[in-house]
Amino acid sequence: MTEPHSDTPAEVVVAKFNPLYRPYLVVTIGLTMVITVVGIPLAIIWFCGVGQWWARHYFDKLSCRLDGKTLRFRKGILFQVEKTIPLENIQDVTFIEGPILKKFNLATLKFETAGQSAGQAHDMRLTGIIEAHEYRNRILEGREALRQQLVGRGPSHGAPAPLADASAPVLAKISSQLDEIAALLRERR
């Protein structure tokens, strides 16, 4: 069996969303309206059908796909948000599962990216992906595969591969020192 050439497109993995995300949206938004007291009249309208209509259309617009270089997701009805995150910029994908999410058999994936500011962090969440743990692992595997591909190719400005080989011991030493620092910080706790 031959390995695919590094320039061939990677498999595209399209996330499927749990239909229980619709009632979760209706309940959480409706309860938020009730808690605000002023929103109680709106909550009545919301629970009488508007919320179900909105949740159905919101759910239909959700999409998330992972290819060899990017993660793309889209959500929203009136204001559609489409984000493309380069895999090499993803620092971590956090799996969040609280009591309300568990009740609906849902989880949230939170994406932490390089250069992310606090104001953008809220937009970097996806709730309702079926088998969210598996999808999270696929994202992290794709990120690592892309990083390995980039390291093997050398710097993108066309430097020869031996330069990348020469930097490997330096990177290993830096990694070792970072591990020592992390161990010291854990001891302080």
C-alpha atoms as a PDB file:
ATOM      1  CA  MET A   1       0.000   0.000   0.000  1.00  0.00           C
ATOM      2  CA  THR A   2       1.447   3.364  -0.970  1.00  0.00           C
ATOM      3  CA  GLU A   3       1.246   6.518   1.040  1.00  0.00           C
ATOM      4  CA  PRO A   4      -0.649   9.388  -0.566  1.00  0.00           C
ATOM      5  CA  HIS A   5       1.549  12.081  -2.063  1.00  0.00           C
ATOM      6  CA  SER A   6       1.801  15.133   0.194  1.00  0.00           C
ATOM      7  CA  ASP A   7       0.233  17.377  -2.462  1.00  0.00           C
ATOM      8  CA  THR A   8      -2.905  15.260  -2.873  1.00  0.00           C
ATOM      9  CA  PRO A   9      -5.968  16.622  -1.114  1.00  0.00           C
ATOM     10  CA  ALA A  10      -6.690  15.062   2.269  1.00  0.00           C
ATOM     11  CA  GLU A  11      -9.952  13.403   3.131  1.00  0.00           C
ATOM     12  CA  VAL A  12     -12.726  15.869   3.910  1.00  0.00           C
ATOM     13  CA  VAL A  13     -14.543  15.061   7.141  1.00  0.00           C
ATOM     14  CA  VAL A  14     -17.967  16.676   7.434  1.00  0.00           C
ATOM     15  CA  ALA A  15     -19.399  16.880  10.949  1.00  0.00           C
ATOM     16  CA  LYS A  16     -22.930  15.728  11.592  1.00  0.00           C
ATOM     17  CA  PHE A  17     -24.968  17.583  14.187  1.00  0.00           C
ATOM     18  CA  ASN A  18     -27.220  16.012  16.805  1.00  0.00           C
ATOM     19  CA  PRO A  19     -30.929  16.854  16.201  1.00  0.00           C
ATOM     20  CA  LEU A  20     -31.291  17.294  19.985  1.00  0.00           C
ATOM     21  CA  TYR A  21     -29.417  20.565  19.513  1.00  0.00           C
ATOM     22  CA  ARG A  22     -32.715  22.137  18.351  1.00  0.00           C
ATOM     23  CA  PRO A  23     -34.651  21.592  21.622  1.00  0.00           C
ATOM     24  CA  TYR A  24     -31.507  22.537  23.553  1.00  0.00           C
ATOM     25  CA  LEU A  25     -31.501  25.913  21.774  1.00  0.00           C
ATOM     26  CA  VAL A  26     -35.221  26.446  22.423  1.00  0.00           C
ATOM     27  CA  VAL A  27     -34.903  25.616  26.114  1.00  0.00           C
ATOM     28  CA  THR A  28     -31.702  27.554  26.867  1.00  0.00           C
ATOM     29  CA  ILE A  29     -32.731  30.700  25.001  1.00  0.00           C
ATOM     30  CA  GLY A  30     -36.269  30.541  26.409  1.00  0.00           C
ATOM     31  CA  LEU A  31     -35.001  30.140  29.972  1.00  0.00           C
ATOM     32  CA  THR A  32     -32.639  33.056  29.454  1.00  0.00           C
ATOM     33  CA  MET A  33     -35.636  35.176  28.446  1.00  0.00           C
ATOM     34  CA  VAL A  34     -37.595  34.058  31.528  1.00  0.00           C
ATOM     35  CA  ILE A  35     -34.671  34.846  33.841  1.00  0.00           C
ATOM     36  CA  THR A  36     -34.520  38.420  32.571  1.00  0.00           C
ATOM     37  CA  VAL A  37     -38.157  38.917  33.751  1.00  0.00           C
ATOM     38  CA  VAL A  38     -38.608  41.643  31.111  1.00  0.00           C
ATOM     39  CA  GLY A  39     -38.342  38.900  28.507  1.00  0.00           C
ATOM     40  CA  ILE A  40     -41.232  36.830  29.917  1.00  0.00           C
ATOM     41  CA  PRO A  41     -43.703  38.033  27.244  1.00  0.00           C
ATOM     42  CA  LEU A  42     -41.102  37.202  24.584  1.00  0.00           C
ATOM     43  CA  ALA A  43     -40.481  33.816  26.226  1.00  0.00           C
ATOM     44  CA  ILE A  44     -44.180  32.955  25.889  1.00  0.00           C
ATOM     45  CA  ILE A  45     -44.032  33.711  22.156  1.00  0.00           C
ATOM     46  CA  TRP A  46     -40.709  31.864  21.954  1.00  0.00           C
ATOM     47  CA  PHE A  47     -42.088  28.694  23.563  1.00  0.00           C
ATOM     48  CA  CYS A  48     -45.317  28.823  21.505  1.00  0.00           C
ATOM     49  CA  GLY A  49     -43.507  28.119  18.252  1.00  0.00           C
ATOM     50  CA  VAL A  50     -41.119  30.888  17.269  1.00  0.00           C
ATOM     51  CA  GLY A  51     -38.260  29.183  19.097  1.00  0.00           C
ATOM     52  CA  GLN A  52     -38.886  25.872  17.349  1.00  0.00           C
ATOM     53  CA  TRP A  53     -38.991  27.595  13.957  1.00  0.00           C
ATOM     54  CA  TRP A  54     -35.792  29.524  14.717  1.00  0.00           C
ATOM     55  CA  ALA A  55     -33.962  26.446  16.077  1.00  0.00           C
ATOM     56  CA  ARG A  56     -34.917  24.366  13.012  1.00  0.00           C
ATOM     57  CA  HIS A  57     -33.568  26.988  10.600  1.00  0.00           C
ATOM     58  CA  TYR A  58     -30.455  27.589  12.710  1.00  0.00           C
ATOM     59  CA  PHE A  59     -29.788  23.836  12.796  1.00  0.00           C
ATOM     60  CA  ASP A  60     -30.227  23.573   9.008  1.00  0.00           C
ATOM     61  CA  LYS A  61     -27.561  26.272   8.464  1.00  0.00           C
ATOM     62  CA  LEU A  62     -24.955  24.596  10.711  1.00  0.00           C
ATOM     63  CA  SER A  63     -22.037  23.073   8.884  1.00  0.00           C
ATOM     64  CA  CYS A  64     -18.522  22.069   9.788  1.00  0.00           C
ATOM     65  CA  ARG A  65     -15.925  20.448   7.552  1.00  0.00           C
ATOM     66  CA  LEU A  66     -12.351  19.463   8.094  1.00  0.00           C
ATOM     67  CA  ASP A  67      -9.937  19.053   5.223  1.00  0.00           C
ATOM     68  CA  GLY A  68      -6.181  18.611   5.187  1.00  0.00           C
ATOM     69  CA  LYS A  69      -5.406  22.278   5.857  1.00  0.00           C
ATOM     70  CA  THR A  70      -8.450  24.010   7.369  1.00  0.00           C
ATOM     71  CA  LEU A  71     -11.477  23.677   9.588  1.00  0.00           C
ATOM     72  CA  ARG A  72     -14.497  25.561   8.255  1.00  0.00           C
ATOM     73  CA  PHE A  73     -17.733  26.110  10.057  1.00  0.00           C
ATOM     74  CA  ARG A  74     -20.826  28.151   9.427  1.00  0.00           C
ATOM     75  CA  LYS A  75     -23.739  29.054  11.668  1.00  0.00           C
ATOM     76  CA  GLY A  76     -26.481  31.649  11.972  1.00  0.00           C
ATOM     77  CA  ILE A  77     -29.745  32.708  10.365  1.00  0.00           C
ATOM     78  CA  LEU A  78     -29.980  36.481  10.080  1.00  0.00           C
ATOM     79  CA  PHE A  79     -26.299  37.012  10.743  1.00  0.00           C
ATOM     80  CA  GLN A  80     -24.376  34.147   9.254  1.00  0.00           C
ATOM     81  CA  VAL A  81     -20.891  33.557  10.553  1.00  0.00           C
ATOM     82  CA  GLU A  82     -18.466  31.535   8.492  1.00  0.00           C
ATOM     83  CA  LYS A  83     -15.040  30.875   9.967  1.00  0.00           C
ATOM     84  CA  THR A  84     -12.055  29.219   8.386  1.00  0.00           C
ATOM     85  CA  ILE A  85      -9.339  28.207  10.808  1.00  0.00           C
ATOM     86  CA  PRO A  86      -5.999  27.020   9.396  1.00  0.00           C
ATOM     87  CA  LEU A  87      -5.105  23.769  11.163  1.00  0.00           C
ATOM     88  CA  GLU A  88      -1.573  24.957  11.912  1.00  0.00           C
ATOM     89  CA  ASN A  89      -3.054  27.837  13.971  1.00  0.00           C
ATOM     90  CA  ILE A  90      -5.124  25.554  16.218  1.00  0.00           C
ATOM     91  CA  GLN A  91      -3.413  25.317  19.592  1.00  0.00           C
ATOM     92  CA  ASP A  92      -6.043  23.175  21.300  1.00  0.00           C
ATOM     93  CA  VAL A  93      -9.584  21.903  20.932  1.00  0.00           C
ATOM     94  CA  THR A  94     -11.341  21.729  24.295  1.00  0.00           C
ATOM     95  CA  PHE A  95     -14.214  19.318  24.877  1.00  0.00           C
ATOM     96  CA  ILE A  96     -16.906  20.847  27.132  1.00  0.00           C
ATOM     97  CA  GLU A  97     -19.829  18.886  28.536  1.00  0.00           C
ATOM     98  CA  GLY A  98     -21.934  20.448  31.293  1.00  0.00           C
ATOM     99  CA  PRO A  99     -25.066  19.135  33.035  1.00  0.00           C
ATOM    100  CA  ILE A 100     -27.530  20.744  30.623  1.00  0.00           C
ATOM    101  CA  LEU A 101     -25.513  19.633  27.602  1.00  0.00           C
ATOM    102  CA  LYS A 102     -25.348  16.094  29.034  1.00  0.00           C
ATOM    103  CA  LYS A 103     -29.132  16.052  29.477  1.00  0.00           C
ATOM    104  CA  PHE A 104     -29.450  16.641  25.721  1.00  0.00           C
ATOM    105  CA  ASN A 105     -26.548  14.283  24.910  1.00  0.00           C
ATOM    106  CA  LEU A 106     -24.511  17.208  23.519  1.00  0.00           C
ATOM    107  CA  ALA A 107     -21.024  18.626  23.880  1.00  0.00           C
ATOM    108  CA  THR A 108     -19.217  21.812  22.858  1.00  0.00           C
ATOM    109  CA  LEU A 109     -15.880  22.035  21.098  1.00  0.00           C
ATOM    110  CA  LYS A 110     -13.957  25.227  21.881  1.00  0.00           C
ATOM    111  CA  PHE A 111     -11.125  26.164  19.545  1.00  0.00           C
ATOM    112  CA  GLU A 112      -8.056  27.958  20.847  1.00  0.00           C
ATOM    113  CA  THR A 113      -5.986  29.449  18.064  1.00  0.00           C
ATOM    114  CA  ALA A 114      -2.643  31.193  17.821  1.00  0.00           C
ATOM    115  CA  GLY A 115      -3.075  34.954  17.998  1.00  0.00           C
ATOM    116  CA  GLN A 116      -6.599  34.682  19.396  1.00  0.00           C
ATOM    117  CA  SER A 117      -7.816  37.608  21.450  1.00  0.00           C
ATOM    118  CA  ALA A 118     -10.295  37.319  24.316  1.00  0.00           C
ATOM    119  CA  GLY A 119     -13.079  38.943  22.284  1.00  0.00           C
ATOM    120  CA  GLN A 120     -12.890  36.291  19.570  1.00  0.00           C
ATOM    121  CA  ALA A 121     -12.936  33.303  21.910  1.00  0.00           C
ATOM    122  CA  HIS A 122     -16.751  33.233  22.143  1.00  0.00           C
ATOM    123  CA  ASP A 123     -17.123  32.806  18.368  1.00  0.00           C
ATOM    124  CA  MET A 124     -14.793  29.825  18.378  1.00  0.00           C
ATOM    125  CA  ARG A 125     -17.271  27.299  19.815  1.00  0.00           C
ATOM    126  CA  LEU A 126     -19.334  24.596  18.163  1.00  0.00           C
ATOM    127  CA  THR A 127     -22.083  22.727  19.996  1.00  0.00           C
ATOM    128  CA  GLY A 128     -23.940  19.629  18.933  1.00  0.00           C
ATOM    129  CA  ILE A 129     -21.452  17.672  16.828  1.00  0.00           C
ATOM    130  CA  ILE A 130     -22.220  13.960  16.937  1.00  0.00           C
ATOM    131  CA  GLU A 131     -19.245  12.023  18.365  1.00  0.00           C
ATOM    132  CA  ALA A 132     -17.539  15.275  19.369  1.00  0.00           C
ATOM    133  CA  HIS A 133     -14.616  13.423  21.021  1.00  0.00           C
ATOM    134  CA  GLU A 134     -13.869  11.605  17.766  1.00  0.00           C
ATOM    135  CA  TYR A 135     -14.173  14.808  15.720  1.00  0.00           C
ATOM    136  CA  ARG A 136     -11.862  16.587  18.172  1.00  0.00           C
ATOM    137  CA  ASN A 137      -9.306  13.795  17.764  1.00  0.00           C
ATOM    138  CA  ARG A 138      -9.569  14.012  13.956  1.00  0.00           C
ATOM    139  CA  ILE A 139      -8.895  17.768  14.102  1.00  0.00           C
ATOM    140  CA  LEU A 140      -5.846  17.284  16.318  1.00  0.00           C
ATOM    141  CA  GLU A 141      -4.572  14.414  14.127  1.00  0.00           C
ATOM    142  CA  GLY A 142      -5.018  16.586  11.028  1.00  0.00           C
ATOM    143  CA  ARG A 143      -3.122  19.411  12.716  1.00  0.00           C
ATOM    144  CA  GLU A 144      -0.236  17.098  13.631  1.00  0.00           C
ATOM    145  CA  ALA A 145      -0.124  15.581  10.130  1.00  0.00           C
ATOM    146  CA  LEU A 146       0.009  19.069   8.607  1.00  0.00           C
ATOM    147  CA  ARG A 147       2.771  20.126  10.998  1.00  0.00           C
ATOM    148  CA  GLN A 148       4.782  17.019  10.129  1.00  0.00           C
ATOM    149  CA  GLN A 149       4.259  17.757   6.458  1.00  0.00           C
ATOM    150  CA  LEU A 150       5.453  21.348   6.914  1.00  0.00           C
ATOM    151  CA  VAL A 151       8.515  20.273   8.942  1.00  0.00           C
ATOM    152  CA  GLY A 152       9.437  17.698   6.300  1.00  0.00           C
ATOM    153  CA  ARG A 153       9.130  20.267   3.551  1.00  0.00           C
ATOM    154  CA  GLY A 154      11.237  22.884   5.324  1.00  0.00           C
ATOM    155  CA  PRO A 155      10.420  26.577   5.554  1.00  0.00           C
ATOM    156  CA  SER A 156       7.894  27.812   3.023  1.00  0.00           C
ATOM    157  CA  HIS A 157      10.284  30.392   1.570  1.00  0.00           C
ATOM    158  CA  GLY A 158      12.160  27.663  -0.271  1.00  0.00           C
ATOM    159  CA  ALA A 159      15.125  26.951   2.008  1.00  0.00           C
ATOM    160  CA  PRO A 160      16.753  23.587   1.401  1.00  0.00           C
ATOM    161  CA  ALA A 161      15.720  20.608   3.521  1.00  0.00           C
ATOM    162  CA  PRO A 162      19.174  20.246   5.215  1.00  0.00           C
ATOM    163  CA  LEU A 163      18.492  23.510   7.050  1.00  0.00           C
ATOM    164  CA  ALA A 164      15.370  21.922   8.556  1.00  0.00           C
ATOM    165  CA  ASP A 165      17.455  18.883   9.555  1.00  0.00           C
ATOM    166  CA  ALA A 166      20.048  21.129  11.238  1.00  0.00           C
ATOM    167  CA  SER A 167      17.377  22.851  13.335  1.00  0.00           C
ATOM    168  CA  ALA A 168      15.976  19.567  14.717  1.00  0.00           C
ATOM    169  CA  PRO A 169      18.529  19.258  17.585  1.00  0.00           C
ATOM    170  CA  VAL A 170      17.952  22.877  18.568  1.00  0.00           C
ATOM    171  CA  LEU A 171      14.198  22.339  18.628  1.00  0.00           C
ATOM    172  CA  ALA A 172      14.654  19.159  20.666  1.00  0.00           C
ATOM    173  CA  LYS A 173      16.748  21.065  23.207  1.00  0.00           C
ATOM    174  CA  ILE A 174      14.144  23.849  23.416  1.00  0.00           C
ATOM    175  CA  SER A 175      11.411  21.238  23.895  1.00  0.00           C
ATOM    176  CA  SER A 176      13.426  19.588  26.670  1.00  0.00           C
ATOM    177  CA  GLN A 177      13.923  22.916  28.441  1.00  0.00           C
ATOM    178  CA  LEU A 178      10.208  23.710  28.167  1.00  0.00           C
ATOM    179  CA  ASP A 179       9.424  20.327  29.738  1.00  0.00           C
ATOM    180  CA  GLU A 180      11.775  21.148  32.632  1.00  0.00           C
ATOM    181  CA  ILE A 181      10.101  24.542  33.135  1.00  0.00           C
ATOM    182  CA  ALA A 182       6.646  22.907  33.099  1.00  0.00           C
ATOM    183  CA  ALA A 183       7.791  20.358  35.705  1.00  0.00           C
ATOM    184  CA  LEU A 184       9.112  23.147  37.948  1.00  0.00           C
ATOM    185  CA  LEU A 185       5.832  25.050  37.637  1.00  0.00           C
ATOM    186  CA  ARG A 186       3.858  21.902  38.562  1.00  0.00           C
ATOM    187  CA  GLU A 187       6.021  21.475  41.663  1.00  0.00           C
ATOM    188  CA  ARG A 188       5.202  25.030  42.785  1.00  0.00           C
ATOM    189  CA  ARG A 189       1.478  24.288  42.769  1.00  0.00           C
END
